[in-house]
Each structure stands twice: as structure tokens, then as C-alpha cells.
């Protein structure tokens, strides 16, 4: 270890370990952010999840807001009585932002 005035300079081995740790941490964070962005694009929410996000009742979302012209369109999973409507989470978030920023 080399010391110059009040500054401590690491040995080459310590510096290499530190740089490896920083690079690994940065790479892990980059992967995490890419994963979050990818999952947000494809994540589907049911009526309760949409309502929870918007802080309204499930009924209000499913019977009122989901039918607004600018609301995201639901994907229907299944058929008949078992069919379930799902909304793209990113589109619901965008819808909420648009409505919050209306004047």
C-alpha cells in the first residue's frame, strides 16, 4: 500500500478487487432494470389489480373506468363463463398518468 500525504492508495490487487466488485454491481443493476422494464411491458393485471393501483373499487374500474374511450383495452383470457379480462399494466399506468395530468 502506498500513501501520499493524507491519501491512501490501494495496492493493485485491492484496486482490481474493488473494480471487479463495482463492475459486477453495475452489471447486476443493469440486468435488474432491463428485467423490470421487460416485465412491466408484458405484465397483465386483473380488475382488482387495476383498481388497487388506481385506488378505486373493483366495481368502479370494471364497470365504469374500463369503458372510458381512452381506457386501455382488455385482453380476454379463456372463453364463455370462465373468460377473464386482463389489462396491460404499463397501459393502465399510462392511462392513470394521462387522467392525473388532465386540466
N, C-alpha and C. Protein backbone atom coordinates (compact mmCIF):
# COMPACT_ATOMS: atom_id res chain seq x y z
N UNK A 1 0.85 -1.17 0.00
CA UNK A 1 0.00 0.00 0.00
C UNK A 1 0.90 1.23 0.00
N UNK A 2 0.54 2.18 -0.83
CA UNK A 2 1.31 3.40 -0.95
C UNK A 2 0.48 4.53 -0.36
N UNK A 3 1.15 5.41 0.39
CA UNK A 3 0.45 6.54 0.98
C UNK A 3 1.14 7.81 0.55
N UNK A 4 0.37 8.79 0.10
CA UNK A 4 0.91 10.08 -0.31
C UNK A 4 0.14 11.14 0.43
N UNK A 5 0.81 11.92 1.25
CA UNK A 5 0.21 12.92 2.12
C UNK A 5 -0.93 12.26 2.91
N UNK A 6 -2.15 12.75 2.80
CA UNK A 6 -3.28 12.17 3.54
C UNK A 6 -4.11 11.21 2.70
N UNK A 7 -3.61 10.85 1.53
CA UNK A 7 -4.34 9.98 0.63
C UNK A 7 -3.74 8.59 0.66
N UNK A 8 -4.59 7.59 0.85
CA UNK A 8 -4.14 6.21 0.84
C UNK A 8 -4.41 5.66 -0.56
N UNK A 9 -3.41 5.10 -1.15
CA UNK A 9 -3.54 4.50 -2.46
C UNK A 9 -3.53 2.99 -2.28
N UNK A 10 -4.49 2.31 -2.89
CA UNK A 10 -4.62 0.86 -2.75
C UNK A 10 -3.54 0.14 -3.52
N UNK A 11 -3.31 -1.09 -3.07
CA UNK A 11 -2.41 -1.94 -3.85
C UNK A 11 -3.13 -2.32 -5.14
N UNK A 12 -2.40 -2.81 -6.11
CA UNK A 12 -3.01 -3.19 -7.38
C UNK A 12 -4.04 -4.30 -7.17
N UNK A 13 -3.74 -5.26 -6.32
CA UNK A 13 -4.69 -6.35 -6.06
C UNK A 13 -5.98 -5.82 -5.43
N UNK A 14 -5.86 -4.90 -4.47
CA UNK A 14 -7.04 -4.31 -3.84
C UNK A 14 -7.86 -3.51 -4.85
N UNK A 15 -7.16 -2.76 -5.69
CA UNK A 15 -7.83 -1.98 -6.71
C UNK A 15 -8.57 -2.88 -7.70
N UNK A 16 -7.92 -3.97 -8.11
CA UNK A 16 -8.56 -4.93 -9.02
C UNK A 16 -9.82 -5.53 -8.40
N UNK A 17 -9.74 -5.92 -7.12
CA UNK A 17 -10.91 -6.48 -6.44
C UNK A 17 -12.04 -5.44 -6.37
N UNK A 18 -11.68 -4.21 -6.03
CA UNK A 18 -12.67 -3.15 -5.92
C UNK A 18 -13.35 -2.89 -7.27
N UNK A 19 -12.56 -2.78 -8.33
CA UNK A 19 -13.11 -2.53 -9.66
C UNK A 19 -14.00 -3.68 -10.12
N UNK A 20 -13.59 -4.91 -9.80
CA UNK A 20 -14.41 -6.08 -10.16
C UNK A 20 -15.76 -6.01 -9.43
N UNK A 21 -15.72 -5.65 -8.16
CA UNK A 21 -16.95 -5.55 -7.37
C UNK A 21 -17.87 -4.46 -7.93
N UNK A 22 -17.30 -3.31 -8.27
CA UNK A 22 -18.10 -2.21 -8.82
C UNK A 22 -18.71 -2.62 -10.16
N UNK A 23 -17.91 -3.26 -11.02
CA UNK A 23 -18.41 -3.69 -12.33
C UNK A 23 -19.51 -4.73 -12.18
N UNK A 24 -19.33 -5.66 -11.26
CA UNK A 24 -20.34 -6.70 -11.03
C UNK A 24 -21.64 -6.08 -10.53
N UNK A 25 -21.53 -5.16 -9.59
CA UNK A 25 -22.72 -4.49 -9.05
C UNK A 25 -23.43 -3.70 -10.14
N UNK A 26 -22.68 -2.99 -10.96
CA UNK A 26 -23.28 -2.21 -12.05
C UNK A 26 -23.96 -3.12 -13.06
N UNK A 27 -23.34 -4.24 -13.38
CA UNK A 27 -23.92 -5.18 -14.33
C UNK A 27 -25.21 -5.79 -13.76
N UNK A 28 -25.20 -6.13 -12.48
CA UNK A 28 -26.39 -6.70 -11.85
C UNK A 28 -27.54 -5.69 -11.86
N UNK A 29 -27.24 -4.43 -11.59
CA UNK A 29 -28.26 -3.39 -11.59
C UNK A 29 -28.83 -3.19 -13.00
N UNK A 30 -27.96 -3.21 -14.00
CA UNK A 30 -28.41 -3.06 -15.39
C UNK A 30 -29.35 -4.20 -15.78
N UNK A 31 -29.00 -5.41 -15.39
CA UNK A 31 -29.85 -6.57 -15.69
C UNK A 31 -31.18 -6.44 -14.96
N UNK A 32 -31.15 -6.00 -13.70
CA UNK A 32 -32.39 -5.83 -12.92
C UNK A 32 -33.31 -4.81 -13.59
N UNK A 33 -32.74 -3.69 -14.04
CA UNK A 33 -33.56 -2.66 -14.68
C UNK A 33 -34.15 -3.16 -16.00
N UNK A 34 -33.36 -3.90 -16.77
CA UNK A 34 -33.88 -4.45 -18.03
C UNK A 34 -35.00 -5.44 -17.75
N UNK A 35 -34.84 -6.25 -16.71
CA UNK A 35 -35.86 -7.24 -16.35
C UNK A 35 -37.14 -6.54 -15.92
N UNK A 36 -37.01 -5.49 -15.12
CA UNK A 36 -38.19 -4.76 -14.66
C UNK A 36 -38.91 -4.14 -15.85
N UNK A 37 -38.16 -3.51 -16.77
CA UNK A 37 -38.79 -2.89 -17.93
C UNK A 37 -39.48 -3.93 -18.80
N UNK A 38 -38.85 -5.07 -18.99
CA UNK A 38 -39.45 -6.13 -19.80
C UNK A 38 -40.71 -6.67 -19.15
N UNK A 39 -40.65 -6.92 -17.85
CA UNK A 39 -41.82 -7.49 -17.18
C UNK A 39 -42.96 -6.48 -17.13
N UNK A 40 -42.65 -5.19 -17.01
CA UNK A 40 -43.70 -4.19 -16.99
C UNK A 40 -44.42 -4.12 -18.33
N UNK A 41 -43.71 -4.35 -19.42
CA UNK A 41 -44.33 -4.29 -20.73
C UNK A 41 -45.31 -5.44 -20.94
N UNK A 42 -45.03 -6.58 -20.35
CA UNK A 42 -45.84 -7.76 -20.62
C UNK A 42 -46.72 -8.19 -19.45
N UNK A 43 -46.65 -7.48 -18.34
CA UNK A 43 -47.42 -7.87 -17.16
C UNK A 43 -48.90 -7.55 -17.38
N UNK A 44 -49.75 -8.51 -17.06
CA UNK A 44 -51.20 -8.33 -17.18
C UNK A 44 -51.83 -8.25 -15.80
N UNK A 45 -52.76 -7.33 -15.63
CA UNK A 45 -53.46 -7.15 -14.37
C UNK A 45 -54.93 -7.52 -14.53
N UNK A 46 -55.49 -8.08 -13.46
CA UNK A 46 -56.93 -8.30 -13.44
C UNK A 46 -57.60 -7.01 -12.93
N UNK A 47 -58.93 -7.02 -12.87
CA UNK A 47 -59.66 -5.82 -12.48
C UNK A 47 -59.28 -5.35 -11.08
N UNK A 48 -59.05 -6.29 -10.16
CA UNK A 48 -58.70 -5.91 -8.79
C UNK A 48 -57.34 -5.21 -8.74
N UNK A 49 -56.36 -5.71 -9.50
CA UNK A 49 -55.04 -5.08 -9.52
C UNK A 49 -55.11 -3.68 -10.13
N UNK A 50 -55.90 -3.52 -11.18
CA UNK A 50 -56.08 -2.19 -11.78
C UNK A 50 -56.71 -1.24 -10.76
N UNK A 51 -57.75 -1.72 -10.09
CA UNK A 51 -58.44 -0.91 -9.09
C UNK A 51 -57.52 -0.54 -7.94
N UNK A 52 -56.73 -1.50 -7.47
CA UNK A 52 -55.79 -1.23 -6.38
C UNK A 52 -54.80 -0.16 -6.79
N UNK A 53 -54.27 -0.25 -8.01
CA UNK A 53 -53.30 0.74 -8.49
C UNK A 53 -53.92 2.13 -8.53
N UNK A 54 -55.17 2.21 -8.99
CA UNK A 54 -55.85 3.50 -9.14
C UNK A 54 -56.52 3.97 -7.85
N UNK A 55 -56.52 3.11 -6.83
CA UNK A 55 -57.13 3.40 -5.53
C UNK A 55 -58.64 3.68 -5.68
N UNK A 56 -59.28 2.80 -6.44
CA UNK A 56 -60.73 2.84 -6.61
C UNK A 56 -61.24 1.42 -6.37
N UNK A 57 -62.56 1.27 -6.35
CA UNK A 57 -63.11 -0.08 -6.14
C UNK A 57 -63.00 -0.90 -7.43
N UNK A 58 -63.04 -2.20 -7.25
CA UNK A 58 -63.01 -3.11 -8.40
C UNK A 58 -64.22 -2.84 -9.30
N UNK A 59 -65.38 -2.62 -8.70
CA UNK A 59 -66.59 -2.33 -9.46
C UNK A 59 -66.41 -1.07 -10.31
N UNK A 60 -65.88 0.00 -9.69
CA UNK A 60 -65.69 1.26 -10.41
C UNK A 60 -64.76 1.07 -11.60
N UNK A 61 -63.69 0.28 -11.41
CA UNK A 61 -62.78 0.04 -12.54
C UNK A 61 -63.50 -0.76 -13.64
N UNK A 62 -64.03 -1.91 -13.27
CA UNK A 62 -64.57 -2.84 -14.26
C UNK A 62 -65.83 -2.34 -14.95
N UNK A 63 -66.68 -1.62 -14.22
CA UNK A 63 -67.97 -1.21 -14.79
C UNK A 63 -68.00 0.23 -15.29
N UNK A 64 -67.03 1.05 -14.87
CA UNK A 64 -67.05 2.46 -15.28
C UNK A 64 -65.78 2.84 -16.04
N UNK A 65 -64.66 2.91 -15.33
CA UNK A 65 -63.43 3.43 -15.92
C UNK A 65 -62.94 2.59 -17.10
N UNK A 66 -63.05 1.29 -17.02
CA UNK A 66 -62.55 0.42 -18.09
C UNK A 66 -63.30 0.65 -19.40
N UNK A 67 -64.46 1.30 -19.33
CA UNK A 67 -65.25 1.56 -20.53
C UNK A 67 -65.05 2.97 -21.08
N UNK A 68 -64.22 3.79 -20.43
CA UNK A 68 -63.91 5.11 -20.98
C UNK A 68 -63.22 4.93 -22.33
N UNK A 69 -63.44 5.85 -23.26
CA UNK A 69 -62.83 5.71 -24.60
C UNK A 69 -61.30 5.66 -24.57
N UNK A 70 -60.69 6.36 -23.61
CA UNK A 70 -59.22 6.39 -23.57
C UNK A 70 -58.64 5.32 -22.64
N UNK A 71 -59.48 4.47 -22.08
CA UNK A 71 -59.00 3.40 -21.20
C UNK A 71 -58.31 2.31 -22.02
N UNK A 72 -57.34 1.63 -21.42
CA UNK A 72 -56.70 0.53 -22.15
C UNK A 72 -57.70 -0.58 -22.44
N UNK A 73 -57.52 -1.22 -23.56
CA UNK A 73 -58.41 -2.31 -23.95
C UNK A 73 -58.01 -3.59 -23.21
N UNK A 74 -59.00 -4.33 -22.78
CA UNK A 74 -58.74 -5.59 -22.07
C UNK A 74 -58.46 -6.72 -23.05
N UNK A 75 -57.61 -7.63 -22.62
CA UNK A 75 -57.42 -8.89 -23.33
C UNK A 75 -58.30 -9.91 -22.63
N UNK A 76 -58.97 -10.73 -23.40
CA UNK A 76 -59.85 -11.74 -22.80
C UNK A 76 -59.12 -13.07 -22.80
N UNK A 77 -58.98 -13.64 -21.61
CA UNK A 77 -58.31 -14.93 -21.43
C UNK A 77 -59.38 -15.99 -21.20
N UNK A 78 -59.44 -16.96 -22.07
CA UNK A 78 -60.44 -18.02 -21.94
C UNK A 78 -61.67 -17.70 -22.75
N UNK A 79 -62.71 -18.50 -22.54
CA UNK A 79 -63.95 -18.27 -23.28
C UNK A 79 -65.14 -18.63 -22.41
N UNK A 80 -66.29 -18.15 -22.80
CA UNK A 80 -67.52 -18.45 -22.07
C UNK A 80 -67.54 -17.85 -20.68
N UNK A 81 -68.17 -18.56 -19.75
CA UNK A 81 -68.30 -18.07 -18.38
C UNK A 81 -66.97 -17.98 -17.65
N UNK A 82 -65.99 -18.74 -18.12
CA UNK A 82 -64.68 -18.76 -17.46
C UNK A 82 -63.74 -17.67 -17.98
N UNK A 83 -64.18 -16.91 -18.98
CA UNK A 83 -63.32 -15.87 -19.57
C UNK A 83 -62.97 -14.82 -18.52
N UNK A 84 -61.73 -14.39 -18.53
CA UNK A 84 -61.24 -13.37 -17.60
C UNK A 84 -60.63 -12.23 -18.40
N UNK A 85 -60.97 -11.00 -18.02
CA UNK A 85 -60.38 -9.84 -18.69
C UNK A 85 -59.10 -9.44 -17.96
N UNK A 86 -58.08 -9.09 -18.74
CA UNK A 86 -56.80 -8.66 -18.20
C UNK A 86 -56.36 -7.41 -18.96
N UNK A 87 -55.69 -6.51 -18.24
CA UNK A 87 -55.21 -5.27 -18.83
C UNK A 87 -53.70 -5.20 -18.71
N UNK A 88 -53.06 -4.64 -19.74
CA UNK A 88 -51.61 -4.45 -19.71
C UNK A 88 -51.28 -3.42 -18.63
N UNK A 89 -50.41 -3.79 -17.70
CA UNK A 89 -50.08 -2.94 -16.56
C UNK A 89 -49.49 -1.60 -17.00
N UNK A 90 -48.61 -1.62 -17.99
CA UNK A 90 -47.99 -0.37 -18.46
C UNK A 90 -49.05 0.56 -19.05
N UNK A 91 -50.02 0.00 -19.75
CA UNK A 91 -51.09 0.82 -20.33
C UNK A 91 -51.99 1.40 -19.25
N UNK A 92 -52.24 0.64 -18.19
CA UNK A 92 -53.05 1.15 -17.08
C UNK A 92 -52.31 2.29 -16.39
N UNK A 93 -51.01 2.13 -16.18
CA UNK A 93 -50.21 3.21 -15.57
C UNK A 93 -50.26 4.47 -16.44
N UNK A 94 -50.10 4.29 -17.76
CA UNK A 94 -50.13 5.42 -18.68
C UNK A 94 -51.50 6.11 -18.65
N UNK A 95 -52.56 5.32 -18.63
CA UNK A 95 -53.93 5.83 -18.53
C UNK A 95 -54.08 6.67 -17.25
N UNK A 96 -53.57 6.17 -16.14
CA UNK A 96 -53.66 6.89 -14.87
C UNK A 96 -52.90 8.21 -14.93
N UNK A 97 -51.72 8.20 -15.54
CA UNK A 97 -50.93 9.43 -15.67
C UNK A 97 -51.66 10.45 -16.53
N UNK A 98 -52.24 10.00 -17.65
CA UNK A 98 -52.99 10.92 -18.52
C UNK A 98 -54.15 11.55 -17.77
N UNK A 99 -54.87 10.75 -17.01
CA UNK A 99 -56.03 11.27 -16.28
C UNK A 99 -55.59 12.20 -15.16
N UNK A 100 -54.46 11.91 -14.54
CA UNK A 100 -53.97 12.77 -13.46
C UNK A 100 -53.49 14.12 -13.99
N UNK A 101 -53.02 14.14 -15.24
CA UNK A 101 -52.48 15.37 -15.82
C UNK A 101 -53.50 16.14 -16.64
N UNK A 102 -54.76 15.71 -16.63
CA UNK A 102 -55.81 16.44 -17.36
C UNK A 102 -56.04 17.79 -16.71
N UNK A 103 -56.43 18.75 -17.54
CA UNK A 103 -56.73 20.08 -16.99
C UNK A 103 -58.15 20.46 -17.27
